[in-house]
Amino acid sequence: MALDYKPIVGNFFLFFLIFGMSATVDFSHFKDQLKNKKAIATGLFLQFIVLPFLGFAVVKVIDLGYVMGITLLIITSSPGGAYSNWFCSIFNADLALSVTMTAISTILSIGMLPLNVFVYSQAAFGGDIVDSLDWTSLGISLIVVVAAISGGLYISHSHGTPFVRNMLNKTGNVAGLGLIIFTSLAPEGGKISLIGRETKFYFGTSLPIILGLLCSIVLTMVTNLKRPERVTVAVECVYQNTGIAMTSCLALFSGDDQRDALGVPFWYTGMQTLFVGIYCLVAWKSGWTKAPANENFFKVLLNSYEVVEDDAISNASPLDLPNGDSVENAADIENLTNQTTSNPSSIIKPFGQHNNAK
């Protein structure tokens, strides 16, 4: 029997995708952000408890077949995608929290990804179908993920200069593009087509994203997170690393099943980009981000209001503050930051040189 090269090549691209993204993590963010226990705990609960359950519920209620169903379960059990940081950056959510949550979810996925996939696959399809799948090949893909995460985090911690992180980030991006191109050309059943599928394919693959965003909005409001933190947590909840599912499809399925399964991560990738983008736009116009809601759209995309906010606080003098108080210590700065997030107009507006921040 000839050796099937497709899972090997897929795992090659997957390794360098996740290795590059993991090596991008800046450990200096942890020192401050790990203190933000409420936001991180809320995000991880949504990421590893709520979203996998939503994936399972969709599979059962809509009655997705085992090919699409297991693929969707792998996606909803995966860690957050690296481009969630990009969304949080351009729409001026809490970027430091986003980077920290991506790093933590990547580490925790070493255990949570296989656990959730196994539990929900058994619950959704029973032992006979689950046992018939090539779980050894999936296990190899998970080992590749664990090795890539571990190696990337080690490089970031021990040799993580800005130059090294930047180069490895580019390496990860190239590997991700290579994985997409390869998986689109590799299916045994022919070219992947997203046209002419059953209605439940489009609806079922998109529904966990919509439900995940709704659950995130409700839970972050209940836990009373700051508004930019709410946006970050919602994005991190639903924006998944679909590269793991793409590689798993090459290992688990063959023939037409492989082609049909690969359509799920491709469609999910497009839908998560669409719905997260719409959510971020609405959040910005609703005053949930650090950018002024009435600012020019392109200016919001091209400028970081997190930097403006930090400069405003650090450059403030006693006469700059509404009540005449001075900024004398770290506690004052922290209080000002909290006030700026909850009621930006009361702090930022008096600064003459930053009057465009709301």
Protein backbone atom coordinates (compact mmCIF):
# COMPACT_ATOMS: atom_id res chain seq x y z
CA MET A 1 0.00 0.00 0.00
CA ALA A 2 1.44 3.36 -1.07
CA LEU A 3 2.20 5.92 1.57
CA ASP A 4 -0.39 8.71 1.60
CA TYR A 5 1.61 11.93 1.40
CA LYS A 6 -1.30 14.30 2.02
CA PRO A 7 -1.50 14.01 5.84
CA ILE A 8 2.31 14.32 5.99
CA VAL A 9 2.36 17.53 3.95
CA GLY A 10 -0.68 18.84 5.83
CA ASN A 11 0.99 18.22 9.19
CA PHE A 12 4.15 19.92 7.90
CA PHE A 13 2.24 23.11 7.13
CA LEU A 14 0.23 22.80 10.36
CA PHE A 15 3.38 22.53 12.47
CA PHE A 16 4.96 25.70 11.10
CA LEU A 17 1.64 27.58 11.20
CA ILE A 18 1.15 26.92 14.92
CA PHE A 19 4.88 27.07 15.72
CA GLY A 20 5.10 30.52 14.13
CA MET A 21 1.98 31.81 15.87
CA SER A 22 3.05 30.40 19.27
CA ALA A 23 6.51 31.92 18.94
CA THR A 24 4.90 35.32 18.38
CA VAL A 25 3.57 35.38 21.96
CA ASP A 26 5.23 38.11 24.01
CA PHE A 27 5.56 36.85 27.59
CA SER A 28 5.81 40.40 28.89
CA HIS A 29 2.03 40.68 28.43
CA PHE A 30 1.44 37.97 31.02
CA LYS A 31 2.74 39.89 34.01
CA ASP A 32 -0.01 42.50 33.89
CA GLN A 33 -2.80 40.66 32.10
CA LEU A 34 -2.72 37.56 34.29
CA LYS A 35 -4.02 39.81 37.08
CA ASN A 36 -7.17 40.30 35.01
CA LYS A 37 -8.58 37.00 36.26
CA LYS A 38 -12.25 37.76 35.63
CA ALA A 39 -11.82 38.57 31.94
CA ILE A 40 -9.48 35.63 31.30
CA ALA A 41 -11.69 33.15 33.19
CA THR A 42 -14.76 34.35 31.28
CA GLY A 43 -12.95 34.01 27.96
CA LEU A 44 -11.63 30.52 28.68
CA PHE A 45 -15.06 29.35 29.85
CA LEU A 46 -16.57 30.52 26.58
CA GLN A 47 -13.70 29.08 24.52
CA PHE A 48 -13.46 25.58 25.97
CA ILE A 49 -16.86 24.97 27.57
CA VAL A 50 -19.51 27.00 25.76
CA LEU A 51 -18.32 26.87 22.13
CA PRO A 52 -17.60 23.09 22.04
CA PHE A 53 -21.05 22.48 23.55
CA LEU A 54 -22.65 24.77 20.97
CA GLY A 55 -20.90 22.79 18.23
CA PHE A 56 -22.26 19.56 19.70
CA ALA A 57 -25.78 21.01 20.04
CA VAL A 58 -25.78 22.15 16.40
CA VAL A 59 -24.58 18.73 15.21
CA LYS A 60 -27.39 16.98 17.12
CA VAL A 61 -30.25 19.39 16.44
CA ILE A 62 -29.56 19.89 12.73
CA ASP A 63 -28.55 16.24 12.36
CA LEU A 64 -25.29 16.81 10.54
CA GLY A 65 -23.73 13.63 9.19
CA TYR A 66 -20.66 12.23 10.89
CA VAL A 67 -18.28 13.63 8.24
CA MET A 68 -19.37 17.25 8.63
CA GLY A 69 -20.29 16.76 12.28
CA ILE A 70 -16.93 15.52 13.52
CA THR A 71 -15.13 18.17 11.46
CA LEU A 72 -17.28 20.89 13.06
CA LEU A 73 -16.59 19.44 16.52
CA ILE A 74 -12.85 19.64 15.85
CA ILE A 75 -13.21 23.30 14.84
CA THR A 76 -15.27 24.33 17.87
CA SER A 77 -12.84 22.49 20.17
CA SER A 78 -9.72 24.12 18.68
CA PRO A 79 -7.82 27.05 20.22
CA GLY A 80 -8.36 30.62 19.05
CA GLY A 81 -6.97 31.70 15.71
CA ALA A 82 -4.04 34.10 15.56
CA TYR A 83 -6.00 36.60 13.46
CA SER A 84 -8.27 37.29 16.42
CA ASN A 85 -5.42 39.54 17.63
CA TRP A 86 -5.55 41.37 14.30
CA PHE A 87 -9.28 42.06 14.63
CA CYS A 88 -8.81 43.34 18.19
CA SER A 89 -5.95 45.54 17.02
CA ILE A 90 -7.60 47.26 14.04
CA PHE A 91 -10.92 47.78 15.87
CA ASN A 92 -9.18 48.98 19.06
CA ALA A 93 -10.48 46.40 21.53
CA ASP A 94 -8.23 45.27 24.40
CA LEU A 95 -5.26 44.01 22.38
CA ALA A 96 -3.08 43.00 25.35
CA LEU A 97 -5.91 40.84 26.69
CA SER A 98 -6.40 39.31 23.24
CA VAL A 99 -2.75 38.29 22.93
CA THR A 100 -2.75 36.85 26.46
CA MET A 101 -5.96 34.88 25.89
CA THR A 102 -4.69 33.49 22.59
CA ALA A 103 -1.51 32.30 24.31
CA ILE A 104 -3.36 30.71 27.24
CA SER A 105 -5.97 29.03 25.04
CA THR A 106 -3.19 27.66 22.84
CA ILE A 107 -1.48 26.12 25.88
CA LEU A 108 -4.71 24.70 27.36
CA SER A 109 -5.75 23.23 24.02
CA ILE A 110 -3.05 20.59 24.48
CA GLY A 111 -5.49 18.85 26.82
CA MET A 112 -8.86 20.42 26.08
CA LEU A 113 -8.90 19.85 22.31
CA PRO A 114 -8.61 16.03 22.37
CA LEU A 115 -10.87 15.82 25.44
CA ASN A 116 -13.72 17.81 23.89
CA VAL A 117 -13.42 16.07 20.51
CA PHE A 118 -13.56 12.63 22.11
CA VAL A 119 -16.41 13.38 24.52
CA TYR A 120 -18.68 15.15 22.03
CA SER A 121 -17.93 12.74 19.17
CA GLN A 122 -18.98 9.85 21.37
CA ALA A 123 -22.10 11.70 22.52
CA ALA A 124 -23.08 12.76 18.99
CA PHE A 125 -22.40 9.61 16.97
CA GLY A 126 -21.91 6.74 19.36
CA GLY A 127 -19.11 4.24 19.63
CA ASP A 128 -19.50 2.37 16.32
CA ILE A 129 -18.96 5.32 13.98
CA VAL A 130 -16.36 6.94 16.21
CA ASP A 131 -14.39 3.70 16.48
CA SER A 132 -14.39 3.31 12.69
CA LEU A 133 -12.43 6.54 12.20
CA ASP A 134 -8.66 6.68 11.97
CA TRP A 135 -8.03 8.22 15.38
CA THR A 136 -4.35 7.31 15.17
CA SER A 137 -3.93 9.79 12.33
CA LEU A 138 -5.85 12.42 14.29
CA GLY A 139 -3.63 11.66 17.27
CA ILE A 140 -0.58 12.33 15.12
CA SER A 141 -2.02 15.71 14.15
CA LEU A 142 -2.62 16.50 17.84
CA ILE A 143 0.97 15.51 18.65
CA VAL A 144 2.11 17.88 15.91
CA VAL A 145 0.01 20.65 17.51
CA VAL A 146 1.45 19.97 20.98
CA ALA A 147 5.02 19.92 19.62
CA ALA A 148 4.46 23.14 17.67
CA ILE A 149 2.94 24.95 20.65
CA SER A 150 5.67 23.77 23.02
CA GLY A 151 8.47 24.62 20.62
CA GLY A 152 7.05 27.99 19.70
CA LEU A 153 6.50 29.03 23.32
CA TYR A 154 10.02 27.89 24.23
CA ILE A 155 11.56 29.96 21.44
CA SER A 156 9.44 32.97 22.42
CA HIS A 157 10.48 32.69 26.07
CA SER A 158 14.19 31.99 25.56
CA HIS A 159 15.01 33.76 22.29
CA GLY A 160 11.96 35.97 21.82
CA THR A 161 13.49 39.17 20.49
CA PRO A 162 11.19 41.38 18.39
CA PHE A 163 13.15 40.36 15.27
CA VAL A 164 12.78 36.63 15.98
CA ARG A 165 9.07 36.93 16.80
CA ASN A 166 8.45 38.97 13.67
CA MET A 167 10.24 36.47 11.42
CA LEU A 168 8.45 33.49 12.95
CA ASN A 169 5.12 35.29 12.66
CA LYS A 170 5.75 35.68 8.93
CA THR A 171 6.74 32.02 8.77
CA GLY A 172 3.43 31.08 10.39
CA ASN A 173 1.48 33.25 7.95
CA VAL A 174 3.21 31.66 4.94
CA ALA A 175 2.60 28.17 6.35
CA GLY A 176 -1.08 29.02 6.91
CA LEU A 177 -1.43 30.19 3.32
CA GLY A 178 0.35 27.05 2.13
CA LEU A 179 -2.01 24.86 4.15
CA ILE A 180 -5.06 26.54 2.63
CA ILE A 181 -3.74 26.17 -0.92
CA PHE A 182 -2.64 22.57 -0.40
CA THR A 183 -5.89 21.41 1.22
CA SER A 184 -7.91 23.07 -1.53
CA LEU A 185 -6.03 21.04 -4.16
CA ALA A 186 -5.44 17.77 -2.29
CA PRO A 187 -8.88 16.16 -1.74
CA GLU A 188 -9.23 12.69 -3.23
CA GLY A 189 -12.85 13.33 -4.19
CA GLY A 190 -11.98 16.28 -6.41
CA LYS A 191 -11.99 20.05 -6.04
CA ILE A 192 -13.67 21.51 -2.95
CA SER A 193 -16.93 23.23 -3.82
CA LEU A 194 -18.91 25.45 -1.49
CA ILE A 195 -21.75 25.82 -3.98
CA GLY A 196 -24.75 23.51 -4.22
CA ARG A 197 -24.42 22.03 -0.72
CA GLU A 198 -27.36 21.19 1.53
CA THR A 199 -28.89 24.09 3.44
CA LYS A 200 -27.83 22.57 6.75
CA PHE A 201 -24.19 22.72 5.61
CA TYR A 202 -24.26 26.52 5.38
CA PHE A 203 -26.55 27.03 8.35
CA GLY A 204 -24.98 24.41 10.61
CA THR A 205 -21.39 25.53 10.02
CA SER A 206 -22.26 29.18 10.68
CA LEU A 207 -24.59 28.74 13.67
CA PRO A 208 -21.89 28.10 16.35
CA ILE A 209 -20.31 31.45 15.42
CA ILE A 210 -23.58 33.37 15.80
CA LEU A 211 -24.58 31.60 19.02
CA GLY A 212 -21.06 31.98 20.41
CA LEU A 213 -21.12 35.73 19.83
CA LEU A 214 -24.54 36.04 21.49
CA CYS A 215 -23.42 33.99 24.52
CA SER A 216 -20.27 36.11 24.78
CA ILE A 217 -22.21 39.37 24.73
CA VAL A 218 -24.58 38.19 27.47
CA LEU A 219 -21.93 36.61 29.71
CA THR A 220 -19.48 39.51 29.49
CA MET A 221 -22.27 41.93 30.41
CA VAL A 222 -23.33 39.73 33.34
CA THR A 223 -19.72 39.57 34.60
CA ASN A 224 -19.49 43.36 34.14
CA LEU A 225 -16.32 43.37 32.07
CA LYS A 226 -15.08 46.65 30.65
CA ARG A 227 -16.47 47.31 27.20
CA PRO A 228 -13.22 46.78 25.22
CA GLU A 229 -12.71 43.56 27.20
CA ARG A 230 -16.19 42.37 26.15
CA VAL A 231 -15.26 42.81 22.50
CA THR A 232 -11.97 40.96 22.94
CA VAL A 233 -13.55 38.03 24.78
CA ALA A 234 -16.27 37.65 22.13
CA VAL A 235 -13.74 37.65 19.29
CA GLU A 236 -11.50 35.14 21.08
CA CYS A 237 -14.48 32.86 21.75
CA VAL A 238 -15.51 32.25 18.13
CA TYR A 239 -12.46 33.00 15.97
CA GLN A 240 -10.94 29.51 15.74
CA ASN A 241 -7.77 27.97 14.35
CA THR A 242 -9.31 26.07 11.42
CA GLY A 243 -5.92 24.78 10.21
CA ILE A 244 -6.14 21.92 12.73
CA ALA A 245 -9.45 20.78 11.23
CA MET A 246 -8.11 21.02 7.67
CA THR A 247 -5.19 18.75 8.48
CA SER A 248 -7.43 16.37 10.44
CA CYS A 249 -9.75 15.98 7.44
CA LEU A 250 -6.84 14.76 5.32
CA ALA A 251 -6.03 12.14 7.96
CA LEU A 252 -9.53 11.02 9.00
CA PHE A 253 -11.38 10.79 5.69
CA SER A 254 -10.83 9.67 2.12
CA GLY A 255 -12.51 10.05 -1.26
CA ASP A 256 -15.71 12.10 -1.41
CA ASP A 257 -15.90 12.20 2.39
CA GLN A 258 -12.56 14.00 2.49
CA ARG A 259 -13.72 16.60 -0.02
CA ASP A 260 -17.02 17.14 1.80
CA ALA A 261 -15.30 17.41 5.20
CA LEU A 262 -12.80 20.02 3.98
CA GLY A 263 -15.68 22.26 2.95
CA VAL A 264 -16.53 22.77 6.64
CA PRO A 265 -13.33 24.56 7.77
CA PHE A 266 -13.25 26.56 4.53
CA TRP A 267 -16.82 27.80 5.03
CA TYR A 268 -16.28 28.36 8.77
CA THR A 269 -13.18 30.47 8.02
CA GLY A 270 -15.16 32.74 5.72
CA MET A 271 -18.13 33.01 8.06
CA GLN A 272 -16.05 33.74 11.17
CA THR A 273 -14.30 36.54 9.29
CA LEU A 274 -17.65 37.95 8.15
CA PHE A 275 -19.53 37.74 11.46
CA VAL A 276 -16.60 38.83 13.64
CA GLY A 277 -16.03 41.77 11.31
CA ILE A 278 -19.69 42.81 11.54
CA TYR A 279 -19.65 42.40 15.33
CA CYS A 280 -16.54 44.58 15.66
CA LEU A 281 -18.10 47.30 13.50
CA VAL A 282 -21.27 47.31 15.61
CA ALA A 283 -19.23 47.30 18.84
CA TRP A 284 -17.21 50.29 17.65
CA LYS A 285 -20.29 52.30 16.65
CA SER A 286 -21.89 51.37 20.00
CA GLY A 287 -18.94 52.80 21.96
CA TRP A 288 -17.60 49.44 23.13
CA THR A 289 -14.06 49.92 21.79
CA LYS A 290 -11.36 52.45 22.62
CA ALA A 291 -11.89 54.29 19.35
CA PRO A 292 -14.43 57.16 19.25
CA ALA A 293 -17.70 55.99 17.75
CA ASN A 294 -17.97 59.09 15.53
CA GLU A 295 -14.41 58.89 14.18
CA ASN A 296 -13.63 58.35 10.51
CA PHE A 297 -13.70 54.63 9.67
CA PHE A 298 -10.30 54.53 7.97
CA LYS A 299 -8.71 56.55 10.74
CA VAL A 300 -9.99 54.02 13.27
CA LEU A 301 -8.46 51.17 11.26
CA LEU A 302 -5.10 52.90 10.87
CA ASN A 303 -4.65 54.31 14.38
CA SER A 304 -4.25 52.69 17.78
CA TYR A 305 -6.33 54.50 20.38
CA GLU A 306 -4.82 52.32 23.07
CA VAL A 307 -1.56 54.20 22.48
CA VAL A 308 -3.36 57.56 22.50
CA GLU A 309 -5.07 56.65 25.76
CA ASP A 310 -1.79 55.64 27.40
CA ASP A 311 -0.08 58.85 26.21
CA ALA A 312 -2.92 60.97 27.56
CA ILE A 313 -2.59 59.49 31.02
CA SER A 314 1.21 59.59 31.17
CA ASN A 315 1.44 63.20 29.89
CA ALA A 316 -1.33 64.62 32.09
CA SER A 317 -0.58 67.49 34.49
CA PRO A 318 -2.69 68.67 37.46
CA LEU A 319 -4.38 71.30 35.28
CA ASP A 320 -5.22 68.66 32.68
CA LEU A 321 -7.52 66.74 35.00
CA PRO A 322 -11.16 67.72 35.42
CA ASN A 323 -11.01 68.00 39.20
CA GLY A 324 -7.47 69.38 39.47
CA ASP A 325 -5.98 66.21 40.97
CA SER A 326 -2.50 65.08 39.99
CA VAL A 327 -1.24 61.74 38.78
CA GLU A 328 1.31 60.79 41.38
CA ASN A 329 1.50 56.99 41.47
CA ALA A 330 0.55 53.76 39.75
CA ALA A 331 -2.76 53.56 41.60
CA ASP A 332 -3.79 56.94 40.21
CA ILE A 333 -2.89 55.82 36.71
CA GLU A 334 -4.84 52.57 37.12
CA ASN A 335 -7.89 54.47 38.39
CA LEU A 336 -7.66 56.84 35.44
CA THR A 337 -7.43 53.92 33.03
CA ASN A 338 -10.56 52.32 34.52
CA GLN A 339 -12.44 55.62 34.32
CA THR A 340 -11.27 56.15 30.74
CA THR A 341 -12.63 52.75 29.68
CA SER A 342 -15.97 53.06 31.46
CA ASN A 343 -16.53 56.78 30.74
CA PRO A 344 -13.91 58.06 28.29
CA SER A 345 -15.40 61.54 27.87
CA SER A 346 -14.82 62.39 31.53
CA ILE A 347 -11.06 61.86 31.31
CA ILE A 348 -9.78 62.08 27.75
CA LYS A 349 -11.85 65.01 26.45
CA PRO A 350 -10.19 67.69 28.63
CA PHE A 351 -6.78 66.93 27.10
CA GLY A 352 -6.27 69.52 24.42
CA GLN A 353 -3.92 67.47 22.26
CA HIS A 354 -6.10 64.34 22.49
CA ASN A 355 -9.49 65.93 22.07
CA ASN A 356 -10.38 63.46 19.35
CA ALA A 357 -10.54 60.59 21.85
CA LYS A 358 -13.98 60.12 23.26
